[in-house]
């Protein structure tokens, strides 16, 4: 099961980033990108796990696993992340300062 990125996250920056976009909006976009990145990095950790046992959920657990991974990635970003959002935001600010 593939983890899908946030809508509009993979479109060209000039198509979604508007001149004069607020720093709060840029921070949210950068954090969404970092969460998507972390989600993709966490995904292989869970591919080989068995879901049997007394509390295993079988196919249901496997079906919802991508949501768990996304939630863990978002929590990691909320707790400070790995610094990717800061780098992305810095680049977004540079792009916004360039003449059109």
N, C-alpha and C. Protein backbone atom coordinates (compact mmCIF):
# COMPACT_ATOMS: atom_id res chain seq x y z
N UNK A 1 0.85 -1.16 0.00
CA UNK A 1 0.00 0.00 0.00
C UNK A 1 0.90 1.23 0.00
N UNK A 2 0.69 2.13 -0.93
CA UNK A 2 1.52 3.32 -1.03
C UNK A 2 0.99 4.43 -0.15
N UNK A 3 1.93 5.23 0.35
CA UNK A 3 1.58 6.42 1.11
C UNK A 3 1.51 7.57 0.12
N UNK A 4 0.39 8.25 0.07
CA UNK A 4 0.23 9.33 -0.88
C UNK A 4 0.66 10.65 -0.27
N UNK A 5 1.32 11.52 -1.06
CA UNK A 5 1.75 12.81 -0.54
C UNK A 5 0.56 13.76 -0.37
N UNK A 6 0.80 14.81 0.35
CA UNK A 6 -0.21 15.85 0.53
C UNK A 6 -0.55 16.45 -0.83
N UNK A 7 -1.83 16.71 -1.08
CA UNK A 7 -2.27 17.26 -2.36
C UNK A 7 -1.53 18.54 -2.67
N UNK A 8 -1.01 18.65 -3.88
CA UNK A 8 -0.32 19.86 -4.32
C UNK A 8 1.13 19.93 -3.89
N UNK A 9 1.60 18.96 -3.11
CA UNK A 9 2.95 19.01 -2.59
C UNK A 9 4.00 18.81 -3.68
N UNK A 10 3.65 18.05 -4.72
CA UNK A 10 4.62 17.74 -5.76
C UNK A 10 4.47 18.61 -7.00
N UNK A 11 3.62 19.61 -6.97
CA UNK A 11 3.50 20.51 -8.11
C UNK A 11 4.63 21.51 -8.08
N UNK A 12 5.01 22.08 -9.22
CA UNK A 12 6.11 23.04 -9.23
C UNK A 12 5.87 24.17 -8.24
N UNK A 13 6.95 24.62 -7.62
CA UNK A 13 6.85 25.63 -6.57
C UNK A 13 6.20 26.91 -7.08
N UNK A 14 6.52 27.31 -8.30
CA UNK A 14 5.95 28.57 -8.80
C UNK A 14 4.46 28.45 -9.07
N UNK A 15 3.93 27.25 -9.16
CA UNK A 15 2.50 27.08 -9.38
C UNK A 15 1.71 27.20 -8.07
N UNK A 16 2.35 26.90 -6.94
CA UNK A 16 1.64 26.93 -5.67
C UNK A 16 2.09 28.07 -4.76
N UNK A 17 3.35 28.45 -4.82
CA UNK A 17 3.85 29.52 -3.95
C UNK A 17 3.55 30.87 -4.58
N UNK A 18 2.82 31.67 -3.86
CA UNK A 18 2.47 32.99 -4.35
C UNK A 18 3.43 34.00 -3.78
N UNK A 19 3.67 35.05 -4.52
CA UNK A 19 4.47 36.15 -3.99
C UNK A 19 3.72 36.74 -2.80
N UNK A 20 4.43 37.01 -1.73
CA UNK A 20 3.80 37.58 -0.57
C UNK A 20 3.12 36.55 0.33
N UNK A 21 3.39 35.28 0.10
CA UNK A 21 2.81 34.24 0.95
C UNK A 21 3.34 34.44 2.37
N UNK A 22 2.48 34.28 3.35
CA UNK A 22 2.88 34.54 4.73
C UNK A 22 3.88 33.49 5.21
N UNK A 23 4.74 33.89 6.15
CA UNK A 23 5.70 32.93 6.71
C UNK A 23 5.02 31.73 7.37
N UNK A 24 3.82 31.96 7.94
CA UNK A 24 3.10 30.85 8.57
C UNK A 24 2.68 29.81 7.52
N UNK A 25 2.22 30.30 6.36
CA UNK A 25 1.83 29.39 5.28
C UNK A 25 3.05 28.63 4.75
N UNK A 26 4.16 29.34 4.62
CA UNK A 26 5.38 28.67 4.15
C UNK A 26 5.86 27.64 5.16
N UNK A 27 5.76 27.95 6.45
CA UNK A 27 6.17 27.01 7.50
C UNK A 27 5.30 25.75 7.43
N UNK A 28 3.98 25.92 7.25
CA UNK A 28 3.08 24.76 7.14
C UNK A 28 3.44 23.90 5.94
N UNK A 29 3.74 24.54 4.81
CA UNK A 29 4.12 23.79 3.61
C UNK A 29 5.43 23.04 3.82
N UNK A 30 6.40 23.70 4.43
CA UNK A 30 7.69 23.07 4.70
C UNK A 30 7.54 21.90 5.66
N UNK A 31 6.70 22.05 6.68
CA UNK A 31 6.48 20.96 7.63
C UNK A 31 5.72 19.81 6.98
N UNK A 32 4.78 20.12 6.09
CA UNK A 32 4.07 19.05 5.37
C UNK A 32 5.03 18.27 4.49
N UNK A 33 5.98 18.98 3.87
CA UNK A 33 6.99 18.30 3.05
C UNK A 33 7.85 17.39 3.92
N UNK A 34 8.30 17.90 5.07
CA UNK A 34 9.13 17.09 5.96
C UNK A 34 8.37 15.86 6.46
N UNK A 35 7.09 16.02 6.79
CA UNK A 35 6.29 14.89 7.25
C UNK A 35 6.15 13.85 6.14
N UNK A 36 5.95 14.30 4.91
CA UNK A 36 5.85 13.37 3.78
C UNK A 36 7.17 12.62 3.58
N UNK A 37 8.27 13.33 3.69
CA UNK A 37 9.59 12.72 3.57
C UNK A 37 9.81 11.68 4.67
N UNK A 38 9.53 12.06 5.91
CA UNK A 38 9.71 11.12 7.02
C UNK A 38 8.81 9.90 6.89
N UNK A 39 7.60 10.11 6.41
CA UNK A 39 6.68 9.00 6.20
C UNK A 39 7.26 8.00 5.22
N UNK A 40 7.84 8.49 4.14
CA UNK A 40 8.45 7.60 3.15
C UNK A 40 9.68 6.89 3.73
N UNK A 41 10.41 7.55 4.62
CA UNK A 41 11.58 6.92 5.24
C UNK A 41 11.17 5.87 6.28
N UNK A 42 10.04 6.08 6.96
CA UNK A 42 9.57 5.13 7.97
C UNK A 42 8.90 3.91 7.36
N UNK A 43 8.34 4.06 6.19
CA UNK A 43 7.56 2.99 5.55
C UNK A 43 8.30 1.65 5.48
N UNK A 44 9.57 1.59 5.04
CA UNK A 44 10.25 0.29 4.96
C UNK A 44 10.41 -0.42 6.30
N UNK A 45 10.40 0.33 7.39
CA UNK A 45 10.54 -0.28 8.72
C UNK A 45 9.38 -1.20 9.05
N UNK A 46 8.22 -0.93 8.46
CA UNK A 46 7.02 -1.67 8.81
C UNK A 46 6.62 -2.71 7.77
N UNK A 47 7.32 -2.79 6.66
CA UNK A 47 6.92 -3.70 5.58
C UNK A 47 7.00 -5.17 5.96
N UNK A 48 7.96 -5.56 6.77
CA UNK A 48 8.12 -6.97 7.10
C UNK A 48 7.47 -7.40 8.40
N UNK A 49 6.74 -6.51 9.06
CA UNK A 49 6.14 -6.86 10.34
C UNK A 49 4.92 -7.76 10.17
N UNK A 50 4.84 -8.75 11.04
CA UNK A 50 3.69 -9.64 11.06
C UNK A 50 2.60 -9.00 11.92
N UNK A 51 1.36 -9.25 11.58
CA UNK A 51 0.25 -8.68 12.35
C UNK A 51 -0.53 -9.75 13.09
N UNK A 52 0.07 -10.92 13.28
CA UNK A 52 -0.64 -11.96 14.01
C UNK A 52 -0.37 -11.81 15.51
N UNK A 53 -0.93 -12.65 16.30
CA UNK A 53 -0.75 -12.57 17.74
C UNK A 53 -2.06 -12.19 18.41
N UNK A 54 -2.05 -12.11 19.72
CA UNK A 54 -3.29 -11.84 20.44
C UNK A 54 -3.91 -10.48 20.12
N UNK A 55 -3.11 -9.50 19.79
CA UNK A 55 -3.65 -8.18 19.50
C UNK A 55 -3.42 -7.77 18.05
N UNK A 56 -3.00 -8.70 17.21
CA UNK A 56 -2.77 -8.41 15.80
C UNK A 56 -4.08 -8.16 15.08
N UNK A 57 -4.03 -7.31 14.08
CA UNK A 57 -5.24 -6.95 13.38
C UNK A 57 -5.36 -7.54 12.00
N UNK A 58 -4.42 -8.38 11.58
CA UNK A 58 -4.48 -9.01 10.27
C UNK A 58 -4.53 -8.00 9.14
N UNK A 59 -5.44 -8.23 8.21
CA UNK A 59 -5.57 -7.34 7.04
C UNK A 59 -6.00 -5.93 7.44
N UNK A 60 -6.83 -5.81 8.46
CA UNK A 60 -7.27 -4.49 8.90
C UNK A 60 -6.10 -3.65 9.37
N UNK A 61 -5.20 -4.27 10.11
CA UNK A 61 -4.03 -3.54 10.59
C UNK A 61 -3.14 -3.13 9.43
N UNK A 62 -2.95 -4.03 8.49
CA UNK A 62 -2.13 -3.72 7.31
C UNK A 62 -2.76 -2.60 6.49
N UNK A 63 -4.08 -2.58 6.43
CA UNK A 63 -4.78 -1.56 5.66
C UNK A 63 -4.56 -0.17 6.25
N UNK A 64 -4.57 -0.06 7.57
CA UNK A 64 -4.47 1.23 8.24
C UNK A 64 -3.05 1.60 8.63
N UNK A 65 -2.08 0.76 8.34
CA UNK A 65 -0.71 1.01 8.75
C UNK A 65 -0.16 2.31 8.16
N UNK A 66 -0.51 2.63 6.92
CA UNK A 66 0.01 3.86 6.31
C UNK A 66 -0.46 5.09 7.08
N UNK A 67 -1.67 5.04 7.65
CA UNK A 67 -2.16 6.16 8.45
C UNK A 67 -1.36 6.30 9.74
N UNK A 68 -0.99 5.17 10.33
CA UNK A 68 -0.16 5.18 11.53
C UNK A 68 1.20 5.79 11.21
N UNK A 69 1.79 5.39 10.10
CA UNK A 69 3.09 5.91 9.71
C UNK A 69 3.01 7.42 9.46
N UNK A 70 1.97 7.87 8.78
CA UNK A 70 1.79 9.30 8.54
C UNK A 70 1.66 10.06 9.86
N UNK A 71 0.89 9.50 10.80
CA UNK A 71 0.70 10.16 12.10
C UNK A 71 2.02 10.23 12.86
N UNK A 72 2.82 9.17 12.80
CA UNK A 72 4.12 9.19 13.48
C UNK A 72 5.04 10.24 12.86
N UNK A 73 5.02 10.35 11.53
CA UNK A 73 5.85 11.35 10.85
C UNK A 73 5.42 12.76 11.23
N UNK A 74 4.11 13.01 11.29
CA UNK A 74 3.61 14.34 11.68
C UNK A 74 3.99 14.67 13.11
N UNK A 75 3.92 13.69 14.00
CA UNK A 75 4.32 13.91 15.39
C UNK A 75 5.82 14.19 15.50
N UNK A 76 6.61 13.50 14.69
CA UNK A 76 8.06 13.75 14.69
C UNK A 76 8.34 15.18 14.26
N UNK A 77 7.64 15.66 13.24
CA UNK A 77 7.82 17.04 12.78
C UNK A 77 7.37 18.01 13.86
N UNK A 78 6.25 17.71 14.50
CA UNK A 78 5.72 18.57 15.55
C UNK A 78 6.70 18.67 16.72
N UNK A 79 7.44 17.60 16.98
CA UNK A 79 8.40 17.56 18.07
C UNK A 79 9.75 18.16 17.69
N UNK A 80 9.88 18.67 16.47
CA UNK A 80 11.14 19.28 16.06
C UNK A 80 11.70 18.70 14.78
N UNK A 81 11.28 17.51 14.43
CA UNK A 81 11.69 16.90 13.17
C UNK A 81 13.19 16.69 13.05
N UNK A 82 13.64 16.64 11.82
CA UNK A 82 15.06 16.42 11.54
C UNK A 82 15.72 17.65 10.95
N UNK A 83 14.98 18.76 10.91
CA UNK A 83 15.54 20.01 10.40
C UNK A 83 15.29 20.26 8.93
N UNK A 84 14.61 19.35 8.28
CA UNK A 84 14.35 19.50 6.85
C UNK A 84 13.41 20.66 6.57
N UNK A 85 12.40 20.86 7.43
CA UNK A 85 11.44 21.95 7.23
C UNK A 85 12.13 23.31 7.27
N UNK A 86 13.13 23.46 8.13
CA UNK A 86 13.86 24.73 8.21
C UNK A 86 14.61 25.01 6.92
N UNK A 87 15.23 23.99 6.36
CA UNK A 87 15.96 24.14 5.10
C UNK A 87 15.01 24.45 3.96
N UNK A 88 13.89 23.74 3.91
CA UNK A 88 12.91 23.98 2.85
C UNK A 88 12.34 25.39 2.97
N UNK A 89 12.04 25.82 4.17
CA UNK A 89 11.50 27.17 4.35
C UNK A 89 12.52 28.23 3.95
N UNK A 90 13.76 28.00 4.28
CA UNK A 90 14.82 28.94 3.88
C UNK A 90 14.87 29.08 2.36
N UNK A 91 14.77 27.97 1.67
CA UNK A 91 14.79 28.00 0.20
C UNK A 91 13.54 28.67 -0.35
N UNK A 92 12.40 28.45 0.29
CA UNK A 92 11.17 29.10 -0.15
C UNK A 92 11.28 30.62 0.01
N UNK A 93 11.90 31.07 1.11
CA UNK A 93 12.08 32.50 1.32
C UNK A 93 13.00 33.10 0.24
N UNK A 94 14.06 32.36 -0.11
CA UNK A 94 14.96 32.82 -1.17
C UNK A 94 14.23 32.93 -2.49
N UNK A 95 13.39 31.93 -2.79
CA UNK A 95 12.64 31.94 -4.04
C UNK A 95 11.68 33.12 -4.07
N UNK A 96 11.10 33.45 -2.94
CA UNK A 96 10.13 34.53 -2.88
C UNK A 96 10.82 35.89 -3.05
N UNK A 97 12.07 35.99 -2.65
CA UNK A 97 12.81 37.25 -2.77
C UNK A 97 13.28 37.52 -4.19
N UNK A 98 13.36 36.48 -5.02
CA UNK A 98 13.81 36.66 -6.40
C UNK A 98 12.78 37.43 -7.19
N UNK A 99 13.26 38.26 -8.13
CA UNK A 99 12.31 38.99 -8.98
C UNK A 99 11.52 38.03 -9.88
N UNK A 100 10.28 38.39 -10.17
CA UNK A 100 9.40 37.54 -10.96
C UNK A 100 9.81 37.42 -12.39
